[in-house]
PDB file of N, CA and C in Angstrom:
ATOM      1  N   MET A   1       3.217   0.849 -17.682  1.00  0.00           N
ATOM      2  CA  MET A   1       3.585  -0.545 -18.668  1.00  0.00           C
ATOM      3  C   MET A   1       2.340  -2.155 -17.396  1.00  0.00           C
ATOM      4  N   THR A   2       1.514  -2.772 -18.973  1.00  0.00           N
ATOM      5  CA  THR A   2       0.301  -3.197 -17.602  1.00  0.00           C
ATOM      6  C   THR A   2       1.421  -4.452 -17.202  1.00  0.00           C
ATOM      7  N   PRO A   3       0.442  -5.925 -15.863  1.00  0.00           N
ATOM      8  CA  PRO A   3       1.399  -6.601 -15.279  1.00  0.00           C
ATOM      9  C   PRO A   3       1.489  -7.624 -16.978  1.00  0.00           C
ATOM     10  N   GLN A   4       0.827  -7.778 -17.619  1.00  0.00           N
ATOM     11  CA  GLN A   4       0.707  -8.510 -19.011  1.00  0.00           C
ATOM     12  C   GLN A   4       1.974  -7.948 -19.694  1.00  0.00           C
ATOM     13  N   ALA A   5       2.116  -7.159 -20.519  1.00  0.00           N
ATOM     14  CA  ALA A   5       3.237  -6.640 -21.134  1.00  0.00           C
ATOM     15  C   ALA A   5       4.530  -6.857 -19.859  1.00  0.00           C
ATOM     16  N   SER A   6       4.510  -6.606 -18.521  1.00  0.00           N
ATOM     17  CA  SER A   6       6.002  -6.850 -18.052  1.00  0.00           C
ATOM     18  C   SER A   6       5.917  -8.388 -17.850  1.00  0.00           C
ATOM     19  N   ARG A   7       5.216  -9.169 -17.628  1.00  0.00           N
ATOM     20  CA  ARG A   7       5.245 -10.607 -17.973  1.00  0.00           C
ATOM     21  C   ARG A   7       5.713 -10.749 -19.578  1.00  0.00           C
ATOM     22  N   HIS A   8       5.375 -10.313 -20.249  1.00  0.00           N
ATOM     23  CA  HIS A   8       5.725 -10.789 -21.430  1.00  0.00           C
ATOM     24  C   HIS A   8       7.230 -10.401 -21.812  1.00  0.00           C
ATOM     25  N   ILE A   9       7.426  -9.264 -21.343  1.00  0.00           N
ATOM     26  CA  ILE A   9       9.201  -8.948 -21.597  1.00  0.00           C
ATOM     27  C   ILE A   9       9.866 -10.026 -20.712  1.00  0.00           C
ATOM     28  N   MET A  10       9.498 -10.265 -19.073  1.00  0.00           N
ATOM     29  CA  MET A  10       9.811 -11.251 -18.196  1.00  0.00           C
ATOM     30  C   MET A  10      10.594 -13.079 -18.879  1.00  0.00           C
ATOM     31  N   TYR A  11       9.412 -12.794 -19.763  1.00  0.00           N
ATOM     32  CA  TYR A  11       9.109 -14.459 -19.961  1.00  0.00           C
ATOM     33  C   TYR A  11       9.018 -14.353 -21.264  1.00  0.00           C
ATOM     34  N   GLY A  12       9.082 -13.867 -22.341  1.00  0.00           N
ATOM     35  CA  GLY A  12       8.683 -14.042 -24.012  1.00  0.00           C
ATOM     36  C   GLY A  12       9.064 -15.024 -24.213  1.00  0.00           C
ATOM     37  N   ASP A  13       9.593 -15.720 -23.673  1.00  0.00           N
ATOM     38  CA  ASP A  13      10.363 -17.316 -24.209  1.00  0.00           C
ATOM     39  C   ASP A  13       9.251 -18.374 -24.095  1.00  0.00           C
ATOM     40  N   ILE A  14       8.845 -18.375 -22.936  1.00  0.00           N
ATOM     41  CA  ILE A  14       8.176 -18.700 -22.232  1.00  0.00           C
ATOM     42  C   ILE A  14       6.248 -18.591 -22.717  1.00  0.00           C
ATOM     43  N   GLU A  15       6.466 -17.112 -23.176  1.00  0.00           N
ATOM     44  CA  GLU A  15       5.042 -17.271 -23.767  1.00  0.00           C
ATOM     45  C   GLU A  15       4.436 -17.856 -24.933  1.00  0.00           C
ATOM     46  N   ASN A  16       5.677 -18.189 -25.549  1.00  0.00           N
ATOM     47  CA  ASN A  16       5.607 -18.612 -26.359  1.00  0.00           C
ATOM     48  C   ASN A  16       5.409 -20.068 -26.713  1.00  0.00           C
ATOM     49  N   GLU A  17       5.445 -20.616 -25.784  1.00  0.00           N
ATOM     50  CA  GLU A  17       4.633 -22.160 -25.709  1.00  0.00           C
ATOM     51  C   GLU A  17       3.174 -22.076 -25.746  1.00  0.00           C
ATOM     52  N   SER A  18       2.495 -23.115 -25.985  1.00  0.00           N
ATOM     53  CA  SER A  18       0.984 -23.713 -26.105  1.00  0.00           C
ATOM     54  C   SER A  18       0.278 -23.615 -25.141  1.00  0.00           C
ATOM     55  N   GLY A  19      -0.702 -23.271 -24.640  1.00  0.00           N
ATOM     56  CA  GLY A  19      -1.221 -24.502 -23.617  1.00  0.00           C
ATOM     57  C   GLY A  19      -1.355 -24.518 -22.404  1.00  0.00           C
ATOM     58  N   LEU A  20      -1.132 -25.505 -21.441  1.00  0.00           N
ATOM     59  CA  LEU A  20      -1.269 -25.729 -19.681  1.00  0.00           C
ATOM     60  C   LEU A  20       0.206 -25.305 -19.399  1.00  0.00           C
ATOM     61  N   GLU A  21       0.984 -26.185 -20.709  1.00  0.00           N
ATOM     62  CA  GLU A  21       2.790 -26.206 -20.117  1.00  0.00           C
ATOM     63  C   GLU A  21       3.340 -24.711 -19.732  1.00  0.00           C
ATOM     64  N   GLY A  22       2.487 -23.620 -21.255  1.00  0.00           N
ATOM     65  CA  GLY A  22       3.282 -22.472 -21.035  1.00  0.00           C
ATOM     66  C   GLY A  22       2.898 -21.502 -19.852  1.00  0.00           C
ATOM     67  N   VAL A  23       1.413 -21.955 -19.406  1.00  0.00           N
ATOM     68  CA  VAL A  23       1.218 -21.404 -17.874  1.00  0.00           C
ATOM     69  C   VAL A  23       1.928 -21.709 -17.229  1.00  0.00           C
ATOM     70  N   ILE A  24       2.628 -23.368 -16.988  1.00  0.00           N
ATOM     71  CA  ILE A  24       2.224 -23.984 -15.694  1.00  0.00           C
ATOM     72  C   ILE A  24       3.872 -23.092 -15.375  1.00  0.00           C
ATOM     73  N   MET A  25       4.878 -23.446 -16.599  1.00  0.00           N
ATOM     74  CA  MET A  25       6.472 -22.954 -16.832  1.00  0.00           C
ATOM     75  C   MET A  25       6.335 -21.719 -16.613  1.00  0.00           C
ATOM     76  N   SER A  26       5.401 -20.685 -16.814  1.00  0.00           N
ATOM     77  CA  SER A  26       5.438 -19.657 -16.278  1.00  0.00           C
ATOM     78  C   SER A  26       5.430 -19.014 -14.978  1.00  0.00           C
ATOM     79  N   LYS A  27       4.444 -19.350 -14.032  1.00  0.00           N
ATOM     80  CA  LYS A  27       4.125 -19.408 -12.935  1.00  0.00           C
ATOM     81  C   LYS A  27       5.440 -19.950 -12.102  1.00  0.00           C
ATOM     82  N   LEU A  28       5.851 -21.206 -12.943  1.00  0.00           N
ATOM     83  CA  LEU A  28       7.055 -21.791 -11.971  1.00  0.00           C
ATOM     84  C   LEU A  28       8.374 -20.547 -11.934  1.00  0.00           C
ATOM     85  N   ALA A  29       8.540 -20.356 -13.023  1.00  0.00           N
ATOM     86  CA  ALA A  29       9.640 -19.117 -13.352  1.00  0.00           C
ATOM     87  C   ALA A  29       9.433 -17.798 -12.366  1.00  0.00           C
ATOM     88  N   GLN A  30       7.939 -17.107 -12.518  1.00  0.00           N
ATOM     89  CA  GLN A  30       7.608 -16.104 -11.257  1.00  0.00           C
ATOM     90  C   GLN A  30       7.905 -16.796 -10.128  1.00  0.00           C
ATOM     91  N   ARG A  31       7.975 -17.715  -9.560  1.00  0.00           N
ATOM     92  CA  ARG A  31       8.170 -18.577  -7.740  1.00  0.00           C
ATOM     93  C   ARG A  31       9.449 -18.689  -8.032  1.00  0.00           C
ATOM     94  N   ALA A  32      10.079 -19.405  -8.865  1.00  0.00           N
ATOM     95  CA  ALA A  32      11.692 -19.662  -9.066  1.00  0.00           C
ATOM     96  C   ALA A  32      12.510 -17.849  -8.653  1.00  0.00           C
ATOM     97  N   GLN A  33      11.806 -17.205  -9.319  1.00  0.00           N
ATOM     98  CA  GLN A  33      12.435 -15.198  -9.515  1.00  0.00           C
ATOM     99  C   GLN A  33      11.902 -15.126  -7.890  1.00  0.00           C
ATOM    100  N   LYS A  34      11.163 -14.977  -7.778  1.00  0.00           N
ATOM    101  CA  LYS A  34      10.978 -14.961  -6.366  1.00  0.00           C
ATOM    102  C   LYS A  34      11.705 -15.342  -5.416  1.00  0.00           C
ATOM    103  N   LEU A  35      11.385 -16.295  -5.040  1.00  0.00           N
ATOM    104  CA  LEU A  35      12.826 -17.287  -4.426  1.00  0.00           C
ATOM    105  C   LEU A  35      14.095 -17.139  -4.576  1.00  0.00           C
ATOM    106  N   PHE A  36      14.766 -16.770  -5.557  1.00  0.00           N
ATOM    107  CA  PHE A  36      15.889 -16.600  -5.477  1.00  0.00           C
ATOM    108  C   PHE A  36      16.163 -15.524  -5.047  1.00  0.00           C
ATOM    109  N   ILE A  37      15.427 -14.116  -5.562  1.00  0.00           N
ATOM    110  CA  ILE A  37      15.758 -12.763  -4.934  1.00  0.00           C
ATOM    111  C   ILE A  37      15.739 -12.752  -3.425  1.00  0.00           C
ATOM    112  N   GLN A  38      14.617 -13.759  -2.908  1.00  0.00           N
ATOM    113  CA  GLN A  38      15.142 -13.669  -1.484  1.00  0.00           C
ATOM    114  C   GLN A  38      16.166 -14.298  -0.968  1.00  0.00           C
ATOM    115  N   HIS A  39      16.501 -15.079  -1.315  1.00  0.00           N
ATOM    116  CA  HIS A  39      17.361 -16.047  -1.300  1.00  0.00           C
ATOM    117  C   HIS A  39      18.752 -15.229  -1.261  1.00  0.00           C
ATOM    118  N   LEU A  40      19.505 -14.698  -2.015  1.00  0.00           N
ATOM    119  CA  LEU A  40      20.171 -13.566  -3.067  1.00  0.00           C
ATOM    120  C   LEU A  40      20.125 -12.491  -1.371  1.00  0.00           C
ATOM    121  N   ARG A  41      18.867 -11.709  -0.680  1.00  0.00           N
ATOM    122  CA  ARG A  41      19.216 -10.918  -0.008  1.00  0.00           C
ATOM    123  C   ARG A  41      19.219 -11.392   1.109  1.00  0.00           C
ATOM    124  N   GLU A  42      18.699 -12.454   1.323  1.00  0.00           N
ATOM    125  CA  GLU A  42      19.184 -13.340   2.965  1.00  0.00           C
ATOM    126  C   GLU A  42      20.926 -13.479   2.853  1.00  0.00           C
ATOM    127  N   ASN A  43      21.223 -13.646   2.264  1.00  0.00           N
ATOM    128  CA  ASN A  43      22.917 -13.986   1.687  1.00  0.00           C
ATOM    129  C   ASN A  43      23.595 -12.697   1.757  1.00  0.00           C
ATOM    130  N   ASN A  44      22.928 -11.771   1.555  1.00  0.00           N
ATOM    131  CA  ASN A  44      23.364 -10.474   1.468  1.00  0.00           C
ATOM    132  C   ASN A  44      24.222 -10.352   0.454  1.00  0.00           C
ATOM    133  N   LEU A  45      23.673 -10.484  -0.885  1.00  0.00           N
ATOM    134  CA  LEU A  45      23.894 -10.684  -2.674  1.00  0.00           C
ATOM    135  C   LEU A  45      23.112 -10.035  -3.362  1.00  0.00           C
ATOM    136  N   LYS A  46      23.556  -9.024  -4.304  1.00  0.00           N
ATOM    137  CA  LYS A  46      23.093  -8.038  -4.559  1.00  0.00           C
ATOM    138  C   LYS A  46      22.334  -8.635  -5.962  1.00  0.00           C
ATOM    139  N   VAL A  47      20.687  -8.359  -5.738  1.00  0.00           N
ATOM    140  CA  VAL A  47      19.680  -8.929  -6.625  1.00  0.00           C
ATOM    141  C   VAL A  47      20.174  -7.786  -8.278  1.00  0.00           C
ATOM    142  N   THR A  48      20.503  -8.214  -9.063  1.00  0.00           N
ATOM    143  CA  THR A  48      20.880  -7.874 -10.581  1.00  0.00           C
ATOM    144  C   THR A  48      20.159  -7.798 -11.853  1.00  0.00           C
ATOM    145  N   GLN A  49      19.837  -7.323 -12.736  1.00  0.00           N
ATOM    146  CA  GLN A  49      19.194  -7.082 -14.077  1.00  0.00           C
ATOM    147  C   GLN A  49      19.832  -8.545 -14.680  1.00  0.00           C
ATOM    148  N   GLU A  50      21.854  -8.504 -14.367  1.00  0.00           N
ATOM    149  CA  GLU A  50      22.474  -9.695 -15.042  1.00  0.00           C
ATOM    150  C   GLU A  50      21.620 -11.333 -14.102  1.00  0.00           C
ATOM    151  N   ARG A  51      21.842 -10.972 -12.873  1.00  0.00           N
ATOM    152  CA  ARG A  51      21.114 -12.455 -12.844  1.00  0.00           C
ATOM    153  C   ARG A  51      19.798 -12.765 -12.361  1.00  0.00           C
ATOM    154  N   LEU A  52      18.761 -11.854 -12.994  1.00  0.00           N
ATOM    155  CA  LEU A  52      17.926 -12.110 -13.129  1.00  0.00           C
ATOM    156  C   LEU A  52      17.918 -12.885 -14.475  1.00  0.00           C
ATOM    157  N   ALA A  53      18.699 -12.026 -15.263  1.00  0.00           N
ATOM    158  CA  ALA A  53      18.409 -12.163 -17.039  1.00  0.00           C
ATOM    159  C   ALA A  53      19.130 -13.893 -16.841  1.00  0.00           C
ATOM    160  N   LEU A  54      19.596 -14.005 -16.435  1.00  0.00           N
ATOM    161  CA  LEU A  54      20.542 -15.397 -16.034  1.00  0.00           C
ATOM    162  C   LEU A  54      19.470 -16.548 -15.735  1.00  0.00           C
ATOM    163  N   LEU A  55      18.324 -16.152 -14.373  1.00  0.00           N
ATOM    164  CA  LEU A  55      17.789 -16.668 -13.822  1.00  0.00           C
ATOM    165  C   LEU A  55      16.203 -17.031 -15.170  1.00  0.00           C
ATOM    166  N   ASP A  56      15.846 -16.126 -16.366  1.00  0.00           N
ATOM    167  CA  ASP A  56      14.771 -16.168 -17.056  1.00  0.00           C
ATOM    168  C   ASP A  56      15.244 -17.383 -18.315  1.00  0.00           C
ATOM    169  N   GLU A  57      16.756 -16.985 -18.641  1.00  0.00           N
ATOM    170  CA  GLU A  57      17.129 -17.951 -19.472  1.00  0.00           C
ATOM    171  C   GLU A  57      17.227 -19.550 -19.005  1.00  0.00           C
ATOM    172  N   ILE A  58      17.632 -19.710 -18.025  1.00  0.00           N
ATOM    173  CA  ILE A  58      17.409 -20.989 -17.465  1.00  0.00           C
ATOM    174  C   ILE A  58      16.089 -21.781 -17.482  1.00  0.00           C
ATOM    175  N   PHE A  59      15.505 -20.898 -16.957  1.00  0.00           N
ATOM    176  CA  PHE A  59      13.772 -21.157 -16.719  1.00  0.00           C
ATOM    177  C   PHE A  59      13.297 -21.035 -18.693  1.00  0.00           C
ATOM    178  N   ALA A  60      13.909 -20.381 -19.897  1.00  0.00           N
ATOM    179  CA  ALA A  60      13.131 -20.557 -20.924  1.00  0.00           C
ATOM    180  C   ALA A  60      13.499 -21.594 -21.984  1.00  0.00           C
ATOM    181  N   THR A  61      14.275 -22.878 -20.621  1.00  0.00           N
ATOM    182  CA  THR A  61      14.614 -23.729 -21.593  1.00  0.00           C
ATOM    183  C   THR A  61      14.116 -25.174 -20.892  1.00  0.00           C
ATOM    184  N   SER A  62      13.888 -26.608 -21.419  1.00  0.00           N
ATOM    185  CA  SER A  62      14.255 -27.471 -20.805  1.00  0.00           C
ATOM    186  C   SER A  62      15.690 -28.446 -21.013  1.00  0.00           C
ATOM    187  N   ASP A  63      16.236 -27.565 -22.010  1.00  0.00           N
ATOM    188  CA  ASP A  63      17.173 -28.460 -22.074  1.00  0.00           C
ATOM    189  C   ASP A  63      18.438 -28.164 -20.894  1.00  0.00           C
ATOM    190  N   HIS A  64      19.129 -29.223 -20.273  1.00  0.00           N
ATOM    191  CA  HIS A  64      20.212 -28.936 -19.220  1.00  0.00           C
ATOM    192  C   HIS A  64      21.817 -28.390 -19.811  1.00  0.00           C
ATOM    193  N   LEU A  65      21.682 -27.305 -18.646  1.00  0.00           N
ATOM    194  CA  LEU A  65      22.611 -26.129 -19.042  1.00  0.00           C
ATOM    195  C   LEU A  65      23.593 -26.213 -18.490  1.00  0.00           C
ATOM    196  N   ASP A  66      24.850 -26.173 -18.525  1.00  0.00           N
ATOM    197  CA  ASP A  66      25.928 -25.561 -17.883  1.00  0.00           C
ATOM    198  C   ASP A  66      26.630 -24.223 -18.155  1.00  0.00           C
ATOM    199  N   ALA A  67      27.533 -23.654 -17.163  1.00  0.00           N
ATOM    200  CA  ALA A  67      27.718 -22.298 -17.133  1.00  0.00           C
ATOM    201  C   ALA A  67      28.353 -22.097 -18.765  1.00  0.00           C
ATOM    202  N   ASP A  68      28.830 -22.750 -19.347  1.00  0.00           N
ATOM    203  CA  ASP A  68      29.657 -22.598 -20.453  1.00  0.00           C
ATOM    204  C   ASP A  68      28.263 -22.487 -22.041  1.00  0.00           C
ATOM    205  N   ASP A  69      27.326 -23.038 -21.701  1.00  0.00           N
ATOM    206  CA  ASP A  69      25.735 -23.265 -22.445  1.00  0.00           C
ATOM    207  C   ASP A  69      25.237 -21.574 -21.782  1.00  0.00           C
ATOM    208  N   LEU A  70      24.976 -21.709 -20.942  1.00  0.00           N
ATOM    209  CA  LEU A  70      24.100 -20.504 -20.484  1.00  0.00           C
ATOM    210  C   LEU A  70      25.044 -19.287 -21.000  1.00  0.00           C
ATOM    211  N   LEU A  71      26.551 -19.164 -20.427  1.00  0.00           N
ATOM    212  CA  LEU A  71      26.723 -18.019 -21.242  1.00  0.00           C
ATOM    213  C   LEU A  71      26.831 -17.933 -22.590  1.00  0.00           C
ATOM    214  N   ALA A  72      26.987 -18.972 -23.085  1.00  0.00           N
ATOM    215  CA  ALA A  72      26.863 -18.438 -25.111  1.00  0.00           C
ATOM    216  C   ALA A  72      25.500 -18.449 -25.587  1.00  0.00           C
ATOM    217  N   ARG A  73      23.960 -18.269 -24.731  1.00  0.00           N
ATOM    218  CA  ARG A  73      22.992 -17.969 -24.859  1.00  0.00           C
ATOM    219  C   ARG A  73      22.731 -16.856 -24.520  1.00  0.00           C
ATOM    220  N   MET A  74      23.332 -16.096 -23.456  1.00  0.00           N
ATOM    221  CA  MET A  74      23.225 -14.852 -23.154  1.00  0.00           C
ATOM    222  C   MET A  74      24.212 -14.419 -24.476  1.00  0.00           C
ATOM    223  N   LYS A  75      25.486 -14.373 -25.023  1.00  0.00           N
ATOM    224  CA  LYS A  75      25.791 -13.904 -25.898  1.00  0.00           C
ATOM    225  C   LYS A  75      24.693 -13.653 -27.024  1.00  0.00           C
ATOM    226  N   VAL A  76      24.210 -14.867 -27.292  1.00  0.00           N
ATOM    227  CA  VAL A  76      23.737 -15.017 -28.806  1.00  0.00           C
ATOM    228  C   VAL A  76      22.519 -13.673 -28.750  1.00  0.00           C
ATOM    229  N   LYS A  77      22.411 -13.532 -27.366  1.00  0.00           N
ATOM    230  CA  LYS A  77      20.709 -12.333 -27.199  1.00  0.00           C
ATOM    231  C   LYS A  77      21.483 -11.321 -26.678  1.00  0.00           C
ATOM    232  N   LYS A  78      22.776 -11.605 -27.206  1.00  0.00           N
ATOM    233  CA  LYS A  78      23.313 -10.056 -26.776  1.00  0.00           C
ATOM    234  C   LYS A  78      22.981  -9.155 -25.959  1.00  0.00           C
ATOM    235  N   ARG A  79      23.275 -10.506 -24.560  1.00  0.00           N
ATOM    236  CA  ARG A  79      23.344  -9.695 -23.466  1.00  0.00           C
ATOM    237  C   ARG A  79      24.211  -9.896 -22.937  1.00  0.00           C
ATOM    238  N   LYS A  80      25.020  -8.985 -22.007  1.00  0.00           N
ATOM    239  CA  LYS A  80      26.348  -8.373 -21.191  1.00  0.00           C
ATOM    240  C   LYS A  80      26.254  -8.618 -20.356  1.00  0.00           C
ATOM    241  N   VAL A  81      27.254  -9.981 -20.344  1.00  0.00           N
ATOM    242  CA  VAL A  81      26.936 -10.678 -18.646  1.00  0.00           C
ATOM    243  C   VAL A  81      28.130 -12.140 -18.975  1.00  0.00           C
ATOM    244  N   SER A  82      29.243 -10.950 -17.700  1.00  0.00           N
ATOM    245  CA  SER A  82      30.791 -12.056 -17.956  1.00  0.00           C
ATOM    246  C   SER A  82      30.564 -13.383 -17.211  1.00  0.00           C
ATOM    247  N   ARG A  83      31.799 -14.299 -17.239  1.00  0.00           N
ATOM    248  CA  ARG A  83      31.660 -15.401 -17.193  1.00  0.00           C
ATOM    249  C   ARG A  83      32.023 -15.623 -15.645  1.00  0.00           C
ATOM    250  N   ALA A  84      32.073 -14.773 -14.862  1.00  0.00           N
ATOM    251  CA  ALA A  84      32.878 -14.706 -13.028  1.00  0.00           C
ATOM    252  C   ALA A  84      30.955 -14.251 -12.542  1.00  0.00           C
ATOM    253  N   THR A  85      30.231 -13.446 -13.205  1.00  0.00           N
ATOM    254  CA  THR A  85      28.159 -13.629 -13.439  1.00  0.00           C
ATOM    255  C   THR A  85      27.569 -14.667 -12.941  1.00  0.00           C
ATOM    256  N   VAL A  86      28.432 -15.257 -14.431  1.00  0.00           N
ATOM    257  CA  VAL A  86      27.369 -16.590 -14.547  1.00  0.00           C
ATOM    258  C   VAL A  86      28.121 -17.976 -12.908  1.00  0.00           C
ATOM    259  N   TYR A  87      28.655 -17.371 -13.065  1.00  0.00           N
ATOM    260  CA  TYR A  87      29.169 -18.507 -11.942  1.00  0.00           C
ATOM    261  C   TYR A  87      29.097 -17.844 -10.701  1.00  0.00           C
ATOM    262  N   ARG A  88      28.947 -16.695 -10.416  1.00  0.00           N
ATOM    263  CA  ARG A  88      28.441 -16.326  -9.005  1.00  0.00           C
ATOM    264  C   ARG A  88      27.445 -16.307  -8.948  1.00  0.00           C
ATOM    265  N   THR A  89      26.135 -16.167 -10.198  1.00  0.00           N
ATOM    266  CA  THR A  89      25.069 -16.411  -9.849  1.00  0.00           C
ATOM    267  C   THR A  89      24.621 -17.899  -9.836  1.00  0.00           C
ATOM    268  N   LEU A  90      25.157 -18.829 -10.817  1.00  0.00           N
ATOM    269  CA  LEU A  90      24.930 -19.932 -10.371  1.00  0.00           C
ATOM    270  C   LEU A  90      24.971 -20.841  -9.164  1.00  0.00           C
ATOM    271  N   ASP A  91      25.885 -20.393  -8.508  1.00  0.00           N
ATOM    272  CA  ASP A  91      26.710 -21.066  -7.276  1.00  0.00           C
ATOM    273  C   ASP A  91      25.487 -21.025  -6.075  1.00  0.00           C
ATOM    274  N   PRO A  92      24.623 -19.268  -5.824  1.00  0.00           N
ATOM    275  CA  PRO A  92      23.747 -19.815  -4.826  1.00  0.00           C
ATOM    276  C   PRO A  92      22.472 -20.207  -5.564  1.00  0.00           C
ATOM    277  N   PHE A  93      22.150 -20.318  -6.744  1.00  0.00           N
ATOM    278  CA  PHE A  93      21.082 -20.751  -7.227  1.00  0.00           C
ATOM    279  C   PHE A  93      21.278 -22.391  -7.116  1.00  0.00           C
ATOM    280  N   SER A  94      22.512 -23.034  -7.541  1.00  0.00           N
ATOM    281  CA  SER A  94      22.812 -25.001  -7.466  1.00  0.00           C
ATOM    282  C   SER A  94      22.522 -25.079  -5.614  1.00  0.00           C
ATOM    283  N   SER A  95      22.611 -23.914  -4.724  1.00  0.00           N
ATOM    284  CA  SER A  95      22.546 -24.487  -3.382  1.00  0.00           C
ATOM    285  C   SER A  95      20.903 -24.116  -3.112  1.00  0.00           C
ATOM    286  N   MET A  96      20.176 -23.460  -3.925  1.00  0.00           N
ATOM    287  CA  MET A  96      19.005 -23.866  -3.570  1.00  0.00           C
ATOM    288  C   MET A  96      18.179 -24.672  -4.035  1.00  0.00           C
ATOM    289  N   TYR A  97      18.532 -25.231  -5.206  1.00  0.00           N
ATOM    290  CA  TYR A  97      17.941 -26.040  -6.236  1.00  0.00           C
ATOM    291  C   TYR A  97      19.096 -27.470  -6.243  1.00  0.00           C
ATOM    292  N   ALA A  98      19.109 -28.481  -5.306  1.00  0.00           N
ATOM    293  CA  ALA A  98      20.354 -29.078  -5.596  1.00  0.00           C
ATOM    294  C   ALA A  98      20.100 -29.808  -6.831  1.00  0.00           C
ATOM    295  N   PRO A  99      18.859 -30.413  -8.055  1.00  0.00           N
ATOM    296  CA  PRO A  99      19.378 -31.082  -9.122  1.00  0.00           C
ATOM    297  C   PRO A  99      20.428 -30.423  -9.714  1.00  0.00           C
ATOM    298  N   PHE A 100      20.365 -29.049 -10.422  1.00  0.00           N
ATOM    299  CA  PHE A 100      21.191 -27.694 -10.744  1.00  0.00           C
ATOM    300  C   PHE A 100      22.233 -27.576  -9.955  1.00  0.00           C
ATOM    301  N   ARG A 101      23.655 -28.077 -10.948  1.00  0.00           N
ATOM    302  CA  ARG A 101      24.957 -28.101  -9.866  1.00  0.00           C
ATOM    303  C   ARG A 101      25.872 -27.986 -11.193  1.00  0.00           C
ATOM    304  N   VAL A 102      26.783 -26.641 -10.760  1.00  0.00           N
ATOM    305  CA  VAL A 102      27.506 -25.543 -11.379  1.00  0.00           C
ATOM    306  C   VAL A 102      28.574 -26.774 -12.795  1.00  0.00           C
ATOM    307  N   GLY A 103      28.380 -26.800 -13.874  1.00  0.00           N
ATOM    308  CA  GLY A 103      29.422 -27.497 -14.612  1.00  0.00           C
ATOM    309  C   GLY A 103      29.381 -28.484 -14.602  1.00  0.00           C
ATOM    310  N   GLN A 104      28.421 -29.787 -14.398  1.00  0.00           N
ATOM    311  CA  GLN A 104      28.172 -30.698 -14.653  1.00  0.00           C
ATOM    312  C   GLN A 104      26.562 -30.539 -15.532  1.00  0.00           C
ATOM    313  N   ARG A 105      26.724 -31.551 -16.291  1.00  0.00           N
ATOM    314  CA  ARG A 105      25.225 -32.600 -17.127  1.00  0.00           C
ATOM    315  C   ARG A 105      25.008 -33.513 -16.735  1.00  0.00           C
ATOM    316  N   HIS A 106      23.669 -33.093 -16.773  1.00  0.00           N
ATOM    317  CA  HIS A 106      22.811 -34.846 -15.823  1.00  0.00           C
ATOM    318  C   HIS A 106      22.445 -35.339 -17.254  1.00  0.00           C
TER     319      HIS A 106
END
């Protein structure tokens, strides 16, 4: 698989945005994923497909999401992710990115 093909699979929703904004968001999402994986490993947490899919979903939208919103989006996309996984994923994510807090809307 080419790098472009794998990037399209991973960031398919972002690829649909036009122009510079889409490129910036894609780069931001890639950097966030790298930092998130590093954070998980440093804290002895598993890097799973479910956690990476949740991270992708967070960066695929500019909407403010809480855990229930994220879980609903995953169900619409037919991704099997439990509520517990959503909360366990958002907890380390929120500690990395202070503006993002589990269960709160801004």
